[in-house]
Protein backbone atom coordinates (compact mmCIF):
# COMPACT_ATOMS: atom_id res chain seq x y z
CA MET A 1 -1.95 -2.30 -27.72
CA SER A 2 0.12 0.74 -26.81
CA LYS A 3 1.53 1.23 -23.02
CA ARG A 4 0.10 3.75 -21.36
CA LEU A 5 3.27 5.52 -20.48
CA GLN A 6 5.35 4.65 -23.69
CA ASN A 7 8.70 6.87 -24.16
CA LYS A 8 8.14 9.13 -21.01
CA VAL A 9 10.15 9.99 -18.18
CA ALA A 10 9.12 9.66 -14.56
CA VAL A 11 10.62 10.07 -11.20
CA ILE A 12 9.47 8.53 -7.90
CA THR A 13 10.95 9.40 -4.64
CA GLY A 14 10.57 6.51 -2.26
CA GLY A 15 10.61 4.16 -5.01
CA ASN A 16 12.86 1.49 -3.29
CA SER A 17 10.06 0.19 -1.64
CA GLY A 18 6.17 -0.18 -0.89
CA ILE A 19 4.12 2.02 -2.88
CA GLY A 20 6.91 3.83 -4.30
CA LEU A 21 8.36 0.46 -5.72
CA ALA A 22 5.20 -0.95 -6.85
CA THR A 23 4.75 1.90 -9.08
CA ALA A 24 7.76 2.23 -10.62
CA GLN A 25 7.22 -1.37 -11.25
CA LEU A 26 4.00 -0.64 -13.11
CA PHE A 27 5.17 2.44 -14.78
CA VAL A 28 8.04 0.43 -15.99
CA GLU A 29 5.61 -2.18 -17.03
CA GLN A 30 3.66 0.84 -19.34
CA GLY A 31 6.57 1.94 -21.39
CA ALA A 32 8.51 4.69 -18.94
CA ARG A 33 11.71 5.02 -18.01
CA VAL A 34 11.71 5.55 -14.30
CA ALA A 35 14.12 6.99 -11.87
CA ILE A 36 13.78 6.26 -8.28
CA LEU A 37 15.06 7.96 -5.41
CA GLY A 38 15.32 6.07 -1.78
CA ARG A 39 17.56 6.57 1.20
CA ASP A 40 18.32 3.06 1.79
CA GLU A 41 21.07 1.36 -0.27
CA LYS A 42 20.43 -1.87 -0.24
CA THR A 43 16.68 -1.50 -0.69
CA LEU A 44 17.70 0.67 -3.81
CA LYS A 45 20.23 -1.56 -5.24
CA ALA A 46 17.75 -4.44 -4.87
CA ALA A 47 14.58 -2.47 -6.28
CA ALA A 48 16.91 -1.32 -9.05
CA GLU A 49 17.85 -4.73 -10.04
CA GLY A 50 14.21 -6.13 -10.38
CA LEU A 51 13.13 -3.06 -12.61
CA GLY A 52 15.92 -3.77 -15.16
CA PRO A 53 17.74 -1.30 -17.59
CA ALA A 54 14.71 1.00 -17.62
CA ALA A 55 14.97 2.18 -14.41
CA LEU A 56 17.68 4.52 -12.74
CA ALA A 57 18.40 4.63 -8.96
CA VAL A 58 19.64 7.72 -7.17
CA GLN A 59 20.65 7.43 -3.18
CA GLY A 60 19.27 10.42 -1.51
CA ASP A 61 16.93 12.16 1.01
CA ILE A 62 14.19 14.57 -0.18
CA SER A 63 15.10 16.57 2.88
CA ARG A 64 18.62 17.66 1.50
CA MET A 65 18.43 19.87 -1.57
CA GLU A 66 21.45 19.06 -2.83
CA ASP A 67 19.96 15.41 -3.18
CA LEU A 68 17.25 16.48 -4.96
CA ASP A 69 19.50 18.45 -7.40
CA ARG A 70 21.57 15.13 -8.28
CA LEU A 71 18.46 13.47 -8.79
CA TYR A 72 17.06 15.35 -11.67
CA ALA A 73 20.56 16.07 -13.06
CA ARG A 74 21.23 12.20 -13.21
CA THR A 75 17.74 11.79 -14.43
CA THR A 76 18.01 14.06 -17.31
CA GLU A 77 21.57 12.91 -18.02
CA ALA A 78 20.27 9.27 -18.78
CA PHE A 79 16.65 10.01 -20.02
CA GLY A 80 16.22 13.56 -20.72
CA LYS A 81 13.62 16.03 -19.80
CA VAL A 82 10.81 14.32 -17.09
CA ASP A 83 7.52 14.08 -18.01
CA ILE A 84 5.86 12.54 -14.40
CA VAL A 85 7.15 13.51 -11.03
CA PHE A 86 5.42 11.22 -7.94
CA ALA A 87 6.38 12.85 -4.70
CA ASN A 88 6.08 9.83 -3.15
CA ALA A 89 8.58 9.65 -0.24
CA GLY A 90 7.48 10.39 3.65
CA VAL A 91 8.03 9.08 6.88
CA VAL A 92 5.24 8.17 9.52
CA GLN A 93 5.58 7.42 13.49
CA LEU A 94 2.82 7.09 15.82
CA ARG A 95 3.03 9.44 19.13
CA THR A 96 0.45 11.13 21.09
CA LEU A 97 0.52 14.70 21.72
CA GLU A 98 1.89 14.67 24.72
CA GLU A 99 4.74 12.16 23.39
CA THR A 100 5.44 14.11 20.63
CA ASP A 101 8.95 16.28 21.12
CA GLU A 102 10.62 18.90 18.93
CA ALA A 103 12.88 16.27 17.33
CA LEU A 104 10.53 13.89 15.57
CA PHE A 105 7.90 17.28 15.31
CA ASP A 106 10.51 18.62 12.99
CA LYS A 107 11.69 15.20 11.53
CA LEU A 108 8.21 14.95 9.97
CA VAL A 109 7.72 18.83 8.61
CA SER A 110 11.17 17.97 7.17
CA ILE A 111 10.65 15.24 5.24
CA ASN A 112 6.91 15.24 4.63
CA PHE A 113 6.02 18.58 3.65
CA LYS A 114 9.36 20.59 3.06
CA GLY A 115 10.76 17.60 0.99
CA THR A 116 7.93 17.21 -0.91
CA TYR A 117 7.41 21.02 -1.56
CA PHE A 118 10.99 21.28 -3.06
CA THR A 119 10.72 17.57 -4.58
CA VAL A 120 8.27 19.68 -6.94
CA GLN A 121 10.20 23.12 -6.89
CA LYS A 122 13.43 21.25 -7.82
CA ALA A 123 11.64 19.38 -10.70
CA LEU A 124 10.47 22.77 -12.52
CA PRO A 125 13.31 23.34 -14.96
CA HIS A 126 13.38 19.88 -15.69
CA LEU A 127 9.83 18.98 -16.95
CA ASN A 128 8.26 18.55 -20.41
CA GLU A 129 4.70 20.46 -21.57
CA LYS A 130 1.69 18.55 -20.27
CA ALA A 131 3.89 17.15 -17.39
CA SER A 132 2.12 15.42 -14.39
CA ILE A 133 2.98 15.88 -10.90
CA ILE A 134 1.30 13.72 -8.13
CA LEU A 135 1.65 14.17 -4.40
CA ASN A 136 1.41 11.44 -2.31
CA THR A 137 -1.22 12.40 0.64
CA SER A 138 -2.90 10.27 3.16
CA LEU A 139 -6.31 9.72 4.84
CA ALA A 140 -4.87 10.90 7.77
CA GLY A 141 -4.99 14.61 6.52
CA SER A 142 -8.93 14.06 6.36
CA ILE A 143 -9.82 12.67 9.26
CA GLY A 144 -8.93 12.89 12.82
CA VAL A 145 -6.40 9.67 13.36
CA PRO A 146 -5.19 9.52 17.30
CA MET A 147 -1.32 9.28 17.63
CA THR A 148 -0.92 10.99 13.87
CA SER A 149 -1.05 14.96 15.21
CA ALA A 150 2.19 16.09 13.71
CA TYR A 151 2.08 13.45 10.68
CA ALA A 152 -1.53 13.94 9.80
CA ALA A 153 -0.93 17.75 10.00
CA THR A 154 2.11 17.46 7.18
CA LYS A 155 -0.12 15.46 4.66
CA ALA A 156 -3.05 18.41 5.17
CA ALA A 157 -0.13 20.60 4.41
CA VAL A 158 0.64 18.54 1.29
CA ARG A 159 -2.92 18.24 0.55
CA SER A 160 -3.00 22.46 0.53
CA LEU A 161 0.05 22.42 -1.86
CA ALA A 162 -1.48 20.04 -4.52
CA ARG A 163 -3.89 22.47 -5.10
CA SER A 164 -1.80 25.58 -4.63
CA PHE A 165 0.62 24.51 -7.14
CA ALA A 166 -2.01 23.41 -9.64
CA ALA A 167 -3.33 26.87 -10.03
CA GLU A 168 0.11 28.05 -10.28
CA LEU A 169 1.46 25.56 -12.75
CA VAL A 170 -1.85 24.93 -15.04
CA GLY A 171 -0.20 27.88 -17.37
CA ARG A 172 2.19 25.99 -18.61
CA GLY A 173 0.34 23.00 -19.14
CA ILE A 174 1.47 21.17 -16.19
CA ARG A 175 -1.20 19.31 -13.92
CA VAL A 176 -0.79 18.42 -10.42
CA ASN A 177 -3.14 16.42 -8.26
CA ALA A 178 -2.98 14.44 -4.93
CA LEU A 179 -3.18 10.89 -4.43
CA SER A 180 -4.37 9.44 -0.51
CA PRO A 181 -3.94 6.33 0.52
CA GLY A 182 -5.41 4.64 3.38
CA ALA A 183 -4.50 1.61 5.32
CA ILE A 184 -2.01 -0.15 2.81
CA HIS A 185 -0.12 -3.12 3.35
CA THR A 186 3.85 -1.62 2.67
CA PRO A 187 7.37 -1.96 4.83
CA ILE A 188 6.78 1.16 6.63
CA GLY A 189 5.20 -0.32 9.78
CA ALA A 190 8.22 -2.27 10.22
CA ARG A 191 10.02 1.05 10.28
CA MET A 192 8.24 2.68 12.91
CA ASP A 193 9.92 2.54 16.26
CA SER A 194 6.33 2.56 18.17
CA PRO A 195 6.20 -0.39 20.92
CA ARG A 196 4.76 -3.40 19.23
CA GLU A 197 1.61 -3.36 21.38
CA VAL A 198 0.87 0.09 20.22
CA LEU A 199 1.11 -0.92 16.56
CA MET A 200 -1.51 -3.68 16.56
CA ASP A 201 -3.77 -1.46 18.88
CA TYR A 202 -3.64 1.25 16.12
CA GLY A 203 -3.79 -1.22 13.27
CA ALA A 204 -6.81 -3.05 14.73
CA LYS A 205 -8.77 0.43 15.37
CA MET A 206 -7.86 1.47 11.60
CA MET A 207 -9.25 -2.29 9.97
CA ALA A 208 -12.46 -1.55 12.20
CA ARG A 209 -12.82 1.61 10.26
CA ILE A 210 -12.75 0.23 6.64
CA PRO A 211 -15.64 -0.86 5.15
CA MET A 212 -13.91 -3.06 2.74
CA LYS A 213 -12.45 -4.86 5.74
CA ARG A 214 -9.16 -5.47 4.40
CA LEU A 215 -5.82 -3.43 3.81
CA GLY A 216 -5.05 -2.37 0.49
CA ALA A 217 -1.92 -3.51 -1.40
CA ALA A 218 0.22 -1.14 -2.59
CA GLU A 219 -0.18 -2.63 -6.47
CA GLU A 220 -3.84 -0.48 -6.20
CA VAL A 221 -2.41 2.37 -4.88
CA ALA A 222 0.20 2.44 -7.93
CA ARG A 223 -2.75 1.37 -10.56
CA ALA A 224 -4.67 4.91 -9.18
CA ALA A 225 -1.13 6.66 -9.79
CA LEU A 226 -1.05 5.54 -13.17
CA PHE A 227 -3.99 6.70 -14.03
CA LEU A 228 -2.91 10.50 -12.84
CA ALA A 229 0.13 9.89 -14.42
CA SER A 230 -1.10 9.32 -17.91
CA ASP A 231 -3.30 10.71 -20.18
CA GLU A 232 -6.28 9.04 -19.46
CA SER A 233 -6.38 11.80 -16.11
CA SER A 234 -5.88 14.69 -18.88
CA TYR A 235 -8.91 17.24 -17.52
CA VAL A 236 -8.21 16.11 -13.54
CA LEU A 237 -6.60 19.12 -11.98
CA GLY A 238 -6.12 19.80 -8.04
CA ALA A 239 -7.97 16.88 -7.09
CA GLU A 240 -7.27 14.00 -4.49
CA LEU A 241 -7.59 10.65 -5.54
CA THR A 242 -8.42 8.71 -2.95
CA VAL A 243 -7.62 4.69 -2.17
CA ASP A 244 -8.58 4.17 1.07
CA GLY A 245 -11.53 1.02 1.33
CA GLY A 246 -14.14 3.94 1.75
CA VAL A 247 -13.06 5.38 5.13
CA THR A 248 -13.05 8.78 4.25
CA GLN A 249 -16.36 8.38 2.52
CA LEU A 250 -18.52 6.12 4.28
């Protein structure tokens, strides 16, 4: 039985942990060669070792144009032109409207919105025909979630980008879609600098909203990313595939 991404080249930002790493692992299993971008040198090195020779690890930050240029230059040098881009990297911080200062606002916009925008723009000269681009959004961009106003706005903006990019690139045979995870068990929670009691309270409230009454696994999101990356989704364009245990639908 042939692998679903045989001989494909994929780029995954934020591929050193969580959803990005789980997706990189699945893509490699399905025959792809994968370039991952991450900011943290230690986790990036560990991810590359686990992925093996079919992977390339590049240290960088999606909000820095020179890092994106280097990502695509190294990817095409190592593997050739790109078939799949998973613009997955992002940050989240829990802050009330009153607590959100300009520095935090600018950080969220710079990474989640600007970084995603230019991850796609910088990829364009390096894409094969019929490439698939996947943007990571969030259920927070579709429903009202306290303490996420700035973060949620960046993810709603990314959802808009999926539609606009899809309309602009369809003439080149390039498909753009969005992937919207809900509450997923990943290391991102440990990187939030909110007080523990705030995180616990937020987690409890989110759990109460999930019809399936459990957190999702990164591997479950990765399987959805595989569908959007593969030819199995060849007639899917500008869509948002939710993987959230039913939160936004029920």
